[in-house]
Amino acid sequence: MPNTAKQTLFLYSTTVSDVGTVRSNNQDSSFAGERLIAMCDGMGGHAGGDTASTIAIRSLAHIEQDDEQGSVQTVANMMETSVMAAHDAIVGKAKRERKLAGMGTTVVAVALVSGYWVLAHIGDSRAYLLRDGKLSRMTTDHSYVQHLIDTGRITAAEARNHPQRNVVMRVLGDFDIDPHPDIAICQAHPADRWLLCSDGLCGVLEDSTIEEMLSTVSDQEECAQRLVSMALKAGSTDNVTAVIGDATLALDADAFDLPHQTPLVGGAASASLEAIADIMHKPVASAPVLRAGKNSPAQRAAALIQGVGRSTRDAEQQDRGPQSRVAQPSQVREENGEIPNTDTGEIPVVKKRDGRVSADPNDPEVAKAIQREQAQQNRVHRKRRHLSRLGVIAALIIAIAAIVGGGFAGYRWSQTKYYIGEHNGVVSIYQGVPTNVFGVELFHAVQDTDIKVSSLPQSWRDQLAQGITVDSLDEARSHVKLIEQEMKSFKATEKANNKGTDDTGNGNKASPSANPSASQPASQPASQPASTSPSASSVRAPASFQLPMPRITGVVIG
């Protein structure tokens, strides 16, 4: 590919960007220079979109003054490298500031190098080329609806109103998407006219309308003003940005009065003029504001919604003409006593040996600075990750220690308690509480007695099965003695009752283990059981252990 052209072409450009009638802030950013034009449409919320698009413009701005060698392929590589550098900067900033997570931006940029156009593109912002009165779309949208059009599922007309028309499939930013831009190179012709625009413009205006405006309105700024104004009147609900660049033929490349302009920065990036001036080492100016229709009822209502609150006098003053601000590079600002601003949007600024500062990602010194910053960030990230792991381990150790300490304290407390229960068929004294935790028993037998549980009434057995809790070993022993005394008293009462029954001559009927029908004469019918005797009823009461329970319930300490 040749590096020289027979005819010397110059680029003369302008840009207009407007927030629109719905959005609260402008997330578009644009650049119009003598060698480079660019437009970035940011996304990702109130703070994220304008930050992402500004970073992308800053990353590309150095190309405006870094093509002295005139190598087309070198500039093409520089544009791809700069777009990738912008991607890394956006991702890095989003990781450090959570409020910016998910931000991204489209990029469409055109550079004029030695008679050739170099085009870089990613996203759904578009580049149009008007040549010999015919408009050509030079980019293909990286969007979902474009994919549907390419696969024949919908038509271009249907895509305008498709519910997913704003879904992009490739974009720079904090997404798991291929960030490499499409790069195209074509020969430049005199009178070529470029239009770079956001989807706020091309999404509402037909290509035929755009072609007519570019063909009939020769004044660049007037053409950009009309296109943006027409998009807003057509109902655009997005930010609207237009960048127009014309190829100008200079018959004498050594002439004194060659075309010259101060680069213009529009949209969100216009808030960072000083940083861009430092990157380019030359003055830059803010782009002209939109004039047409700014004092219309719709625009005034939008201003109230957006909280701008401009007075009528301010609007009229704005209608008189563009209000532009010029920013000088740091050397001039220092001479004027201004505070230097070296913020270049996550791209390091390196002061070279000749005293100049550079933020060109292709500059070896800047590349080394980027590597050093990335290495530092990786060290900080590894340190944070290491500290995070140590914190998790420490938290686990503390939690385990708390569980073990709590368990030990609970076990120590349980061993201060005693209860009376059953052990190997006899009444026993236990130390602890009658329960277990995760299979660990909190009790053990400390003293067995001679009292057989089987000889006790059922109500006593139920109480022993649940455990009769006491506060000390001495108290447990006292309750065991009480049980023994009750058992002796119970047996004595039972023996006396049995003896009294035998004296009445009904001993056979009083036996609780005898068959009730066995004590009847052979001639007596079996339907008349011996239990009908009053004396037998008085014997069966003690046999069912219906003893005075107040003394027994006194054993239970609740």
Protein backbone atom coordinates (compact mmCIF):
# COMPACT_ATOMS: atom_id res chain seq x y z
CA MET A 1 0.00 0.00 0.00
CA PRO A 2 1.54 3.33 -0.96
CA ASN A 3 2.41 5.81 1.74
CA THR A 4 2.17 8.93 -0.47
CA ALA A 5 -0.53 10.41 -2.63
CA LYS A 6 -0.26 12.45 -5.80
CA GLN A 7 -2.69 15.01 -4.42
CA THR A 8 -2.42 16.42 -0.90
CA LEU A 9 -5.74 16.20 0.94
CA PHE A 10 -6.64 17.90 4.21
CA LEU A 11 -9.50 17.16 6.56
CA TYR A 12 -11.73 19.96 7.74
CA SER A 13 -14.42 18.97 10.27
CA THR A 14 -16.95 20.03 12.88
CA THR A 15 -19.29 18.39 15.39
CA VAL A 16 -22.55 19.14 17.18
CA SER A 17 -23.85 17.10 20.11
CA ASP A 18 -27.05 17.58 22.10
CA VAL A 19 -28.48 15.88 25.18
CA GLY A 20 -31.91 15.63 23.56
CA THR A 21 -35.36 16.04 25.05
CA VAL A 22 -35.50 12.99 27.35
CA ARG A 23 -32.08 12.14 28.79
CA SER A 24 -30.75 13.98 31.86
CA ASN A 25 -27.14 14.01 30.66
CA ASN A 26 -25.18 13.63 27.43
CA GLN A 27 -23.36 10.29 27.21
CA ASP A 28 -22.11 10.88 23.65
CA SER A 29 -18.59 12.21 23.03
CA SER A 30 -17.18 13.47 19.74
CA PHE A 31 -13.94 14.78 18.24
CA ALA A 32 -13.40 16.80 15.05
CA GLY A 33 -9.82 17.54 14.01
CA GLU A 34 -7.60 18.01 10.98
CA ARG A 35 -6.54 14.37 10.73
CA LEU A 36 -9.06 12.54 12.93
CA ILE A 37 -12.82 12.54 13.46
CA ALA A 38 -14.45 10.27 16.05
CA MET A 39 -17.80 9.64 17.74
CA CYS A 40 -18.49 7.47 20.82
CA ASP A 41 -21.92 6.65 22.23
CA GLY A 42 -21.63 5.76 25.93
CA MET A 43 -23.89 3.45 27.90
CA GLY A 44 -24.16 2.29 31.49
CA GLY A 45 -26.20 4.74 33.52
CA HIS A 46 -25.91 8.38 34.51
CA ALA A 47 -22.21 8.27 35.43
CA GLY A 48 -20.98 5.31 33.40
CA GLY A 49 -21.85 6.22 29.82
CA ASP A 50 -20.24 9.65 29.72
CA THR A 51 -17.14 8.31 31.50
CA ALA A 52 -16.70 5.45 29.01
CA SER A 53 -17.15 7.63 25.91
CA THR A 54 -14.78 10.27 27.29
CA ILE A 55 -12.08 7.66 27.94
CA ALA A 56 -12.42 6.41 24.35
CA ILE A 57 -12.03 9.93 22.89
CA ARG A 58 -8.99 10.57 25.08
CA SER A 59 -7.43 7.32 23.94
CA LEU A 60 -7.88 8.22 20.25
CA ALA A 61 -6.98 11.93 20.44
CA HIS A 62 -3.21 11.41 20.10
CA ILE A 63 -3.71 10.19 16.50
CA GLU A 64 -4.53 13.81 15.55
CA GLN A 65 -0.83 14.69 15.78
CA ASP A 66 0.96 11.31 15.67
CA ASP A 67 0.83 10.51 11.93
CA GLU A 68 3.91 12.48 10.81
CA GLN A 69 5.46 9.43 9.14
CA GLY A 70 2.42 9.07 6.87
CA SER A 71 2.29 5.26 7.06
CA VAL A 72 -1.27 4.09 6.49
CA GLN A 73 -0.69 0.68 8.04
CA THR A 74 1.02 2.24 11.06
CA VAL A 75 -1.95 4.52 11.69
CA ALA A 76 -4.35 1.60 11.23
CA ASN A 77 -2.41 -0.33 13.89
CA MET A 78 -2.39 2.76 16.11
CA MET A 79 -6.17 3.08 15.86
CA GLU A 80 -6.74 -0.56 16.78
CA THR A 81 -4.24 -0.31 19.66
CA SER A 82 -5.87 2.89 20.92
CA VAL A 83 -9.33 1.34 20.88
CA MET A 84 -8.04 -1.68 22.82
CA ALA A 85 -6.29 0.67 25.27
CA ALA A 86 -9.60 2.45 25.80
CA HIS A 87 -11.25 -0.91 26.48
CA ASP A 88 -8.63 -1.80 29.11
CA ALA A 89 -8.97 1.64 30.71
CA ILE A 90 -12.77 1.37 30.89
CA VAL A 91 -12.62 -2.10 32.40
CA GLY A 92 -9.97 -1.03 34.92
CA LYS A 93 -11.96 1.99 36.03
CA ALA A 94 -15.17 -0.03 36.32
CA LYS A 95 -13.43 -2.57 38.57
CA ARG A 96 -12.13 0.16 40.86
CA GLU A 97 -15.42 2.08 41.05
CA ARG A 98 -18.44 -0.14 41.59
CA LYS A 99 -20.89 2.57 40.58
CA LEU A 100 -19.40 2.41 37.05
CA ALA A 101 -19.82 -1.36 36.68
CA GLY A 102 -21.38 -2.28 33.34
CA MET A 103 -20.36 0.90 31.52
CA GLY A 104 -19.33 0.79 27.88
CA THR A 105 -19.21 2.75 24.65
CA THR A 106 -19.37 2.41 20.90
CA VAL A 107 -16.54 3.80 18.74
CA VAL A 108 -16.48 5.01 15.16
CA ALA A 109 -13.40 6.93 14.02
CA VAL A 110 -11.89 7.99 10.67
CA ALA A 111 -8.32 9.20 10.09
CA LEU A 112 -6.90 10.75 6.92
CA VAL A 113 -3.37 9.47 6.19
CA SER A 114 -1.46 10.09 2.96
CA GLY A 115 -4.55 10.14 0.77
CA TYR A 116 -6.27 7.18 2.46
CA TRP A 117 -9.12 6.86 4.92
CA VAL A 118 -8.58 4.56 7.90
CA LEU A 119 -11.86 3.57 9.57
CA ALA A 120 -12.22 1.92 13.00
CA HIS A 121 -15.63 0.80 14.22
CA ILE A 122 -17.29 -1.16 17.01
CA GLY A 123 -20.92 -0.94 18.13
CA ASP A 124 -23.99 0.52 16.45
CA SER A 125 -22.79 4.09 15.79
CA ARG A 126 -22.47 4.67 12.05
CA ALA A 127 -20.14 6.17 9.47
CA TYR A 128 -21.58 7.45 6.17
CA LEU A 129 -19.51 8.54 3.16
CA LEU A 130 -20.94 10.92 0.58
CA ARG A 131 -18.98 10.64 -2.67
CA ASP A 132 -20.08 12.14 -5.98
CA GLY A 133 -23.53 12.84 -4.52
CA LYS A 134 -24.13 9.23 -3.49
CA LEU A 135 -24.36 8.19 0.16
CA SER A 136 -22.81 4.89 1.30
CA ARG A 137 -22.99 3.34 4.74
CA MET A 138 -19.41 2.38 5.56
CA THR A 139 -20.08 0.46 8.79
CA THR A 140 -22.22 -2.51 9.74
CA ASP A 141 -24.02 -2.25 13.06
CA HIS A 142 -22.83 -4.72 15.68
CA SER A 143 -26.39 -5.07 16.94
CA TYR A 144 -28.98 -7.77 17.43
CA VAL A 145 -31.42 -6.33 14.86
CA GLN A 146 -28.64 -6.12 12.25
CA HIS A 147 -28.01 -9.81 12.87
CA LEU A 148 -31.71 -10.46 12.28
CA ILE A 149 -31.53 -8.43 9.05
CA ASP A 150 -28.42 -10.27 7.86
CA THR A 151 -30.09 -13.63 8.50
CA GLY A 152 -33.24 -12.56 6.69
CA ARG A 153 -35.55 -12.73 9.71
CA ILE A 154 -36.67 -9.09 9.54
CA THR A 155 -36.41 -6.21 7.09
CA ALA A 156 -34.58 -2.92 7.59
CA ALA A 157 -37.95 -1.18 7.94
CA GLU A 158 -39.02 -3.60 10.67
CA ALA A 159 -35.73 -3.08 12.49
CA ARG A 160 -36.57 0.59 13.18
CA ASN A 161 -39.40 -0.39 15.52
CA HIS A 162 -38.02 -3.67 16.81
CA PRO A 163 -38.23 -3.90 20.65
CA GLN A 164 -34.57 -4.99 20.84
CA ARG A 165 -33.16 -2.44 18.41
CA ASN A 166 -30.87 -0.98 21.12
CA VAL A 167 -29.18 -4.29 21.96
CA VAL A 168 -25.53 -4.23 20.82
CA MET A 169 -23.51 -7.40 20.39
CA ARG A 170 -20.03 -5.84 20.34
CA VAL A 171 -18.96 -2.81 22.34
CA LEU A 172 -16.05 -1.50 24.38
CA GLY A 173 -16.39 -1.81 28.11
CA ASP A 174 -17.08 -3.90 31.17
CA PHE A 175 -18.59 -6.84 29.27
CA ASP A 176 -17.47 -10.29 28.20
CA ILE A 177 -17.49 -9.24 24.53
CA ASP A 178 -14.80 -9.18 21.84
CA PRO A 179 -13.44 -5.59 22.00
CA HIS A 180 -11.43 -5.67 18.76
CA PRO A 181 -12.70 -3.03 16.32
CA ASP A 182 -13.34 -3.52 12.62
CA ILE A 183 -10.57 -1.77 10.63
CA ALA A 184 -11.10 -0.68 7.01
CA ILE A 185 -8.86 1.28 4.60
CA CYS A 186 -9.99 2.99 1.41
CA GLN A 187 -8.55 5.63 -0.89
CA ALA A 188 -9.62 9.20 -0.25
CA HIS A 189 -11.09 11.40 -2.99
CA PRO A 190 -11.33 15.18 -3.07
CA ALA A 191 -14.73 16.43 -1.82
CA ASP A 192 -15.39 13.24 0.15
CA ARG A 193 -17.78 14.04 3.01
CA TRP A 194 -18.04 11.86 6.12
CA LEU A 195 -20.85 11.75 8.65
CA LEU A 196 -20.25 9.97 11.96
CA CYS A 197 -23.37 9.79 14.10
CA SER A 198 -24.94 8.08 17.09
CA ASP A 199 -28.07 5.97 16.85
CA GLY A 200 -30.00 8.94 18.22
CA LEU A 201 -29.67 10.40 14.70
CA CYS A 202 -29.50 7.48 12.28
CA GLY A 203 -32.13 5.59 14.27
CA VAL A 204 -34.84 8.13 13.38
CA LEU A 205 -33.72 9.71 10.09
CA GLU A 206 -33.92 7.81 6.81
CA ASP A 207 -30.73 7.41 4.79
CA SER A 208 -32.39 9.36 1.98
CA THR A 209 -32.94 12.32 4.32
CA ILE A 210 -29.32 12.18 5.47
CA GLU A 211 -28.12 12.02 1.87
CA GLU A 212 -30.19 15.04 0.91
CA MET A 213 -28.86 17.15 3.81
CA LEU A 214 -25.22 16.19 3.19
CA SER A 215 -25.59 16.92 -0.52
CA THR A 216 -27.44 20.23 -0.37
CA VAL A 217 -25.99 21.99 2.70
CA SER A 218 -22.35 22.75 1.96
CA ASP A 219 -21.55 24.57 5.23
CA GLN A 220 -20.36 21.94 7.65
CA GLU A 221 -21.65 23.44 10.88
CA GLU A 222 -24.99 24.35 9.37
CA CYS A 223 -25.36 20.82 8.03
CA ALA A 224 -24.55 19.28 11.44
CA GLN A 225 -26.94 21.68 13.18
CA ARG A 226 -29.78 20.76 10.84
CA LEU A 227 -29.22 17.02 11.11
CA VAL A 228 -29.26 17.07 14.93
CA SER A 229 -32.28 19.39 15.01
CA MET A 230 -34.18 17.21 12.52
CA ALA A 231 -33.48 14.07 14.58
CA LEU A 232 -34.90 15.72 17.69
CA LYS A 233 -37.98 16.95 15.82
CA ALA A 234 -38.47 13.43 14.41
CA GLY A 235 -38.88 12.16 17.97
CA SER A 236 -35.42 10.92 18.97
CA THR A 237 -35.38 10.01 22.68
CA ASP A 238 -31.60 9.60 22.87
CA ASN A 239 -28.58 11.90 22.84
CA VAL A 240 -27.95 13.08 19.28
CA THR A 241 -24.44 13.67 17.87
CA ALA A 242 -23.16 14.39 14.38
CA VAL A 243 -19.55 14.75 13.19
CA ILE A 244 -18.97 15.98 9.63
CA GLY A 245 -15.58 15.84 7.93
CA ASP A 246 -14.72 17.06 4.43
CA ALA A 247 -11.67 16.19 2.35
CA THR A 248 -10.16 19.45 1.09
CA LEU A 249 -7.70 19.48 -1.81
CA ALA A 250 -4.65 21.74 -1.50
CA LEU A 251 -3.06 22.37 -4.87
CA ASP A 252 0.10 23.69 -3.22
CA ALA A 253 1.07 21.72 -0.15
CA ASP A 254 3.72 24.32 0.73
CA ALA A 255 1.33 27.25 0.61
CA PHE A 256 1.12 29.49 3.65
CA ASP A 257 -2.67 29.57 3.89
CA LEU A 258 -3.33 25.83 4.20
CA PRO A 259 -6.62 24.77 5.82
CA HIS A 260 -6.31 24.90 9.57
CA GLN A 261 -8.70 24.53 12.47
CA THR A 262 -8.65 24.05 16.22
CA PRO A 263 -9.86 20.54 17.07
CA LEU A 264 -13.37 20.50 18.48
CA VAL A 265 -14.59 18.26 21.30
CA GLY A 266 -18.30 17.70 21.83
CA GLY A 267 -20.60 15.94 24.28
CA ALA A 268 -19.38 14.47 27.54
CA ALA A 269 -15.69 14.70 26.56
CA SER A 270 -15.95 18.51 26.33
CA ALA A 271 -15.72 18.56 30.15
CA SER A 272 -12.13 17.29 29.82
CA LEU A 273 -10.67 19.77 27.36
CA GLU A 274 -7.48 20.32 29.37
CA ALA A 275 -6.68 16.63 29.49
CA ILE A 276 -7.19 16.27 25.73
CA ALA A 277 -5.08 19.37 25.08
CA ASP A 278 -2.27 17.79 27.10
CA ILE A 279 -2.53 14.57 25.08
CA MET A 280 -2.32 16.47 21.78
CA HIS A 281 0.09 19.23 22.93
CA LYS A 282 -2.12 21.79 21.19
CA PRO A 283 -5.20 23.88 21.96
CA VAL A 284 -8.65 22.31 21.67
CA ALA A 285 -12.08 23.93 21.78
CA SER A 286 -15.54 22.84 22.82
CA ALA A 287 -17.96 22.13 19.99
CA PRO A 288 -20.74 24.59 19.15
CA VAL A 289 -24.04 23.96 20.87
CA LEU A 290 -27.27 23.17 19.06
CA ARG A 291 -28.99 26.40 18.05
CA ALA A 292 -32.09 25.52 16.00
CA GLY A 293 -35.19 24.88 18.09
CA LYS A 294 -33.50 25.29 21.49
CA ASN A 295 -36.15 27.82 22.51
CA SER A 296 -39.11 25.79 21.25
CA PRO A 297 -41.88 24.69 23.65
CA ALA A 298 -40.66 21.09 23.47
CA GLN A 299 -37.11 22.12 24.33
CA ARG A 300 -38.25 24.32 27.22
CA ALA A 301 -40.32 21.44 28.62
CA ALA A 302 -37.30 19.15 28.28
CA ALA A 303 -35.16 21.69 30.12
CA LEU A 304 -37.62 21.72 33.01
CA ILE A 305 -37.67 17.90 33.11
CA GLN A 306 -33.89 17.75 33.05
CA GLY A 307 -33.62 20.32 35.82
CA VAL A 308 -31.61 22.73 33.72
CA GLY A 309 -33.75 25.71 34.65
CA ARG A 310 -32.25 28.14 32.09
CA SER A 311 -33.88 31.49 31.89
CA THR A 312 -35.32 32.89 28.68
CA ARG A 313 -32.47 35.35 28.49
CA ASP A 314 -29.91 32.53 28.64
CA ALA A 315 -31.75 30.67 25.89
CA GLU A 316 -31.86 33.78 23.71
CA GLN A 317 -28.18 34.38 24.28
CA GLN A 318 -27.49 30.80 23.27
CA ASP A 319 -29.52 31.27 20.09
CA ARG A 320 -27.24 34.10 18.98
CA GLY A 321 -24.38 31.73 18.31
CA PRO A 322 -22.18 28.92 19.61
CA GLN A 323 -20.51 29.47 22.94
CA SER A 324 -17.07 27.82 22.67
CA ARG A 325 -14.33 27.35 25.24
CA VAL A 326 -10.66 26.90 24.32
CA ALA A 327 -8.26 24.91 26.49
CA GLN A 328 -4.49 25.26 26.23
CA PRO A 329 -1.95 22.49 26.84
CA SER A 330 -0.25 22.24 30.23
CA GLN A 331 2.85 24.22 29.20
CA VAL A 332 0.72 27.26 28.35
CA ARG A 333 -1.46 26.83 31.42
CA GLU A 334 1.59 26.71 33.66
CA GLU A 335 2.88 29.91 32.08
CA ASN A 336 -0.49 31.51 32.72
CA GLY A 337 -0.45 30.34 36.33
CA GLU A 338 -3.24 27.81 35.89
CA ILE A 339 -3.28 24.54 37.82
CA PRO A 340 -2.16 21.69 35.54
CA ASN A 341 -4.56 18.83 34.98
CA THR A 342 -2.92 15.57 33.92
CA ASP A 343 -5.98 13.35 34.19
CA THR A 344 -6.22 11.42 30.91
CA GLY A 345 -8.87 8.93 31.90
CA GLU A 346 -6.89 5.91 33.18
CA ILE A 347 -4.18 6.33 30.48
CA PRO A 348 -0.86 7.30 32.16
CA VAL A 349 0.79 10.58 31.23
CA VAL A 350 4.56 10.32 30.75
CA LYS A 351 6.86 13.32 30.75
CA LYS A 352 9.50 12.76 28.08
CA ARG A 353 13.12 13.88 28.12
CA ASP A 354 12.40 16.80 25.82
CA GLY A 355 9.92 18.15 28.36
CA ARG A 356 6.78 17.10 26.47
CA VAL A 357 4.09 14.96 28.05
CA SER A 358 2.55 12.04 26.18
CA ALA A 359 -0.43 9.74 26.67
CA ASP A 360 -0.07 7.86 23.38
CA PRO A 361 -0.52 4.11 24.04
CA ASN A 362 1.84 3.46 21.11
CA ASP A 363 4.66 5.49 22.68
CA PRO A 364 7.23 3.03 24.17
CA GLU A 365 7.55 5.09 27.34
CA VAL A 366 3.77 5.25 27.76
CA ALA A 367 3.52 1.51 27.07
CA LYS A 368 6.09 0.85 29.80
CA ALA A 369 4.16 3.11 32.16
CA ILE A 370 0.96 1.18 31.37
CA GLN A 371 2.79 -2.09 32.10
CA ARG A 372 4.11 -0.71 35.38
CA GLU A 373 0.63 0.45 36.40
CA GLN A 374 -0.87 -2.90 35.46
CA ALA A 375 1.85 -4.72 37.41
CA GLN A 376 1.18 -2.48 40.40
CA GLN A 377 -2.55 -3.10 40.10
CA ASN A 378 -1.93 -6.85 39.90
CA ARG A 379 0.23 -6.70 43.04
CA VAL A 380 -2.45 -4.74 44.85
CA HIS A 381 -5.09 -7.18 43.61
CA ARG A 382 -3.05 -10.19 44.76
CA LYS A 383 -2.42 -8.55 48.12
CA ARG A 384 -6.12 -7.82 48.57
CA ARG A 385 -6.99 -11.35 47.56
CA HIS A 386 -4.39 -12.74 50.00
CA LEU A 387 -5.71 -10.53 52.79
CA SER A 388 -9.24 -11.56 51.91
CA ARG A 389 -8.29 -15.23 52.18
CA LEU A 390 -6.55 -14.60 55.49
CA GLY A 391 -9.67 -12.81 56.71
CA VAL A 392 -11.86 -15.75 55.73
CA ILE A 393 -9.51 -18.21 57.44
CA ALA A 394 -9.39 -16.05 60.56
CA ALA A 395 -13.18 -15.79 60.59
CA LEU A 396 -13.47 -19.59 60.30
CA ILE A 397 -10.97 -20.09 63.11
CA ILE A 398 -12.84 -17.63 65.31
CA ALA A 399 -16.16 -19.30 64.49
CA ILE A 400 -14.76 -22.77 65.24
CA ALA A 401 -13.20 -21.50 68.45
CA ALA A 402 -16.50 -19.94 69.46
CA ILE A 403 -18.34 -23.19 68.76
CA VAL A 404 -15.77 -25.27 70.65
CA GLY A 405 -15.66 -22.78 73.52
CA GLY A 406 -19.45 -22.65 73.70
CA GLY A 407 -19.65 -26.43 73.60
CA PHE A 408 -17.05 -26.81 76.33
CA ALA A 409 -18.79 -24.21 78.49
CA GLY A 410 -22.10 -25.98 77.96
CA TYR A 411 -20.57 -29.32 78.88
CA ARG A 412 -18.99 -27.85 82.03
CA TRP A 413 -22.37 -26.46 83.07
CA SER A 414 -24.13 -29.76 82.38
CA GLN A 415 -21.73 -31.59 84.70
CA THR A 416 -22.88 -29.44 87.63
CA LYS A 417 -26.35 -31.05 87.37
CA TYR A 418 -27.65 -34.46 88.49
CA TYR A 419 -30.74 -36.51 87.88
CA ILE A 420 -32.25 -39.87 88.91
CA GLY A 421 -32.99 -42.38 86.20
CA GLU A 422 -32.71 -45.99 85.14
CA HIS A 423 -29.43 -47.83 84.57
CA ASN A 424 -29.15 -51.58 83.96
CA GLY A 425 -32.65 -52.15 85.36
CA VAL A 426 -32.13 -50.36 88.66
CA VAL A 427 -32.63 -46.84 89.90
CA SER A 428 -29.37 -44.88 89.44
CA ILE A 429 -27.95 -41.43 90.02
CA TYR A 430 -26.63 -39.65 86.89
CA GLN A 431 -24.30 -36.68 86.57
CA GLY A 432 -25.21 -34.24 83.76
CA VAL A 433 -28.45 -33.61 81.92
CA PRO A 434 -30.52 -36.28 80.09
CA THR A 435 -29.75 -35.19 76.53
CA ASN A 436 -27.06 -35.31 73.81
CA VAL A 437 -25.60 -32.76 71.38
CA PHE A 438 -24.56 -34.01 67.91
CA GLY A 439 -24.43 -37.55 69.31
CA VAL A 440 -22.36 -36.60 72.37
CA GLU A 441 -24.06 -37.66 75.61
CA LEU A 442 -23.99 -35.04 78.36
CA PHE A 443 -24.60 -37.56 81.20
CA HIS A 444 -23.09 -40.64 82.84
CA ALA A 445 -24.12 -42.89 85.77
CA VAL A 446 -22.26 -42.23 89.02
CA GLN A 447 -24.14 -44.45 91.53
CA ASP A 448 -26.46 -47.47 91.20
CA THR A 449 -28.99 -48.52 93.86
CA ASP A 450 -30.63 -51.83 94.79
CA ILE A 451 -34.08 -50.63 93.77
CA LYS A 452 -35.31 -52.58 90.76
CA VAL A 453 -37.25 -50.46 88.33
CA SER A 454 -39.55 -53.36 87.48
CA SER A 455 -40.84 -53.40 91.06
CA LEU A 456 -41.95 -49.78 90.88
CA PRO A 457 -45.41 -48.54 89.85
CA GLN A 458 -45.78 -47.46 86.23
CA SER A 459 -46.13 -43.79 87.14
CA TRP A 460 -42.74 -43.96 88.91
CA ARG A 461 -41.18 -45.67 85.89
CA ASP A 462 -42.41 -42.90 83.60
CA GLN A 463 -40.82 -40.27 85.82
CA LEU A 464 -37.52 -42.18 85.92
CA ALA A 465 -37.55 -42.54 82.11
CA GLN A 466 -37.75 -38.76 81.77
CA GLY A 467 -35.22 -38.18 84.56
CA ILE A 468 -35.91 -36.60 87.94
CA THR A 469 -33.54 -33.60 87.88
CA VAL A 470 -31.85 -32.26 91.01
CA ASP A 471 -29.14 -29.68 91.66
CA SER A 472 -26.56 -31.73 93.59
CA LEU A 473 -25.40 -35.25 94.36
CA ASP A 474 -26.53 -35.00 97.99
CA GLU A 475 -30.01 -34.00 96.89
CA ALA A 476 -30.09 -36.94 94.48
CA ARG A 477 -29.10 -39.36 97.27
CA SER A 478 -31.82 -37.89 99.52
CA HIS A 479 -34.42 -38.52 96.84
CA VAL A 480 -33.20 -42.11 96.40
CA LYS A 481 -33.66 -42.68 100.14
CA LEU A 482 -37.13 -41.20 99.89
CA ILE A 483 -37.94 -43.65 97.08
CA GLU A 484 -36.67 -46.53 99.24
CA GLN A 485 -38.84 -45.39 102.14
CA GLU A 486 -41.88 -45.10 99.90
CA MET A 487 -41.21 -48.58 98.52
CA LYS A 488 -41.02 -50.06 102.04
CA SER A 489 -44.21 -48.26 103.07
CA PHE A 490 -45.92 -49.38 99.88
CA LYS A 491 -44.93 -53.03 100.36
CA ALA A 492 -46.01 -52.96 104.00
CA THR A 493 -49.40 -51.57 103.04
CA GLU A 494 -49.75 -54.16 100.29
CA LYS A 495 -48.84 -56.97 102.69
CA ALA A 496 -51.34 -55.75 105.29
CA ASN A 497 -54.08 -55.55 102.69
CA ASN A 498 -53.34 -59.03 101.45
CA LYS A 499 -53.35 -60.41 105.04
CA GLY A 500 -56.69 -58.76 105.80
CA THR A 501 -58.19 -60.32 102.76
CA ASP A 502 -57.03 -63.83 103.75
CA ASP A 503 -58.72 -63.47 107.21
CA THR A 504 -62.11 -63.00 105.50
CA GLY A 505 -61.87 -66.44 103.90
CA ASN A 506 -61.59 -65.01 100.36
CA GLY A 507 -57.89 -65.50 99.92
CA ASN A 508 -58.23 -67.37 96.68
CA LYS A 509 -60.34 -64.57 95.22
CA ALA A 510 -57.88 -61.88 96.35
CA SER A 511 -54.90 -63.24 94.47
CA PRO A 512 -54.21 -60.75 91.60
CA SER A 513 -52.34 -63.40 89.63
CA ALA A 514 -55.10 -66.06 89.87
CA ASN A 515 -57.61 -66.66 87.16
CA PRO A 516 -60.84 -65.00 88.33
CA SER A 517 -62.95 -68.03 87.22
CA ALA A 518 -60.69 -70.57 89.04
CA SER A 519 -62.13 -69.75 92.50
CA GLN A 520 -65.73 -70.57 91.47
CA PRO A 521 -67.34 -73.93 92.12
CA ALA A 522 -67.55 -76.26 89.16
CA SER A 523 -71.31 -75.94 89.09
CA GLN A 524 -71.20 -72.12 89.05
CA PRO A 525 -71.60 -70.53 85.62
CA ALA A 526 -68.49 -68.95 84.16
CA SER A 527 -70.45 -65.76 83.50
CA GLN A 528 -70.33 -64.89 87.19
CA PRO A 529 -66.68 -63.85 87.87
CA ALA A 530 -65.20 -63.73 91.36
CA SER A 531 -64.49 -60.00 90.90
CA THR A 532 -68.07 -59.29 91.94
CA SER A 533 -67.01 -59.84 95.56
CA PRO A 534 -66.54 -56.55 97.49
CA SER A 535 -63.41 -57.90 99.19
CA ALA A 536 -61.80 -58.62 95.83
CA SER A 537 -62.37 -55.03 94.73
CA SER A 538 -60.52 -53.73 97.78
CA VAL A 539 -57.49 -55.90 96.97
CA ARG A 540 -57.24 -54.83 93.31
CA ALA A 541 -56.71 -51.16 94.22
CA PRO A 542 -53.18 -51.68 95.63
CA ALA A 543 -52.43 -54.16 92.84
CA SER A 544 -52.81 -51.29 90.33
CA PHE A 545 -50.42 -49.06 92.43
CA GLN A 546 -53.02 -46.44 93.23
CA LEU A 547 -50.94 -45.08 96.14
CA PRO A 548 -51.05 -41.62 97.66
CA MET A 549 -48.97 -39.73 95.04
CA PRO A 550 -48.31 -36.43 96.87
CA ARG A 551 -45.30 -38.05 98.53
CA ILE A 552 -44.06 -39.38 95.20
CA THR A 553 -44.56 -36.14 93.29
CA GLY A 554 -42.53 -34.45 95.92
CA VAL A 555 -39.54 -36.34 94.51
CA VAL A 556 -39.74 -34.44 91.24
CA ILE A 557 -37.77 -31.16 91.25
CA GLY A 558 -39.07 -29.06 88.36
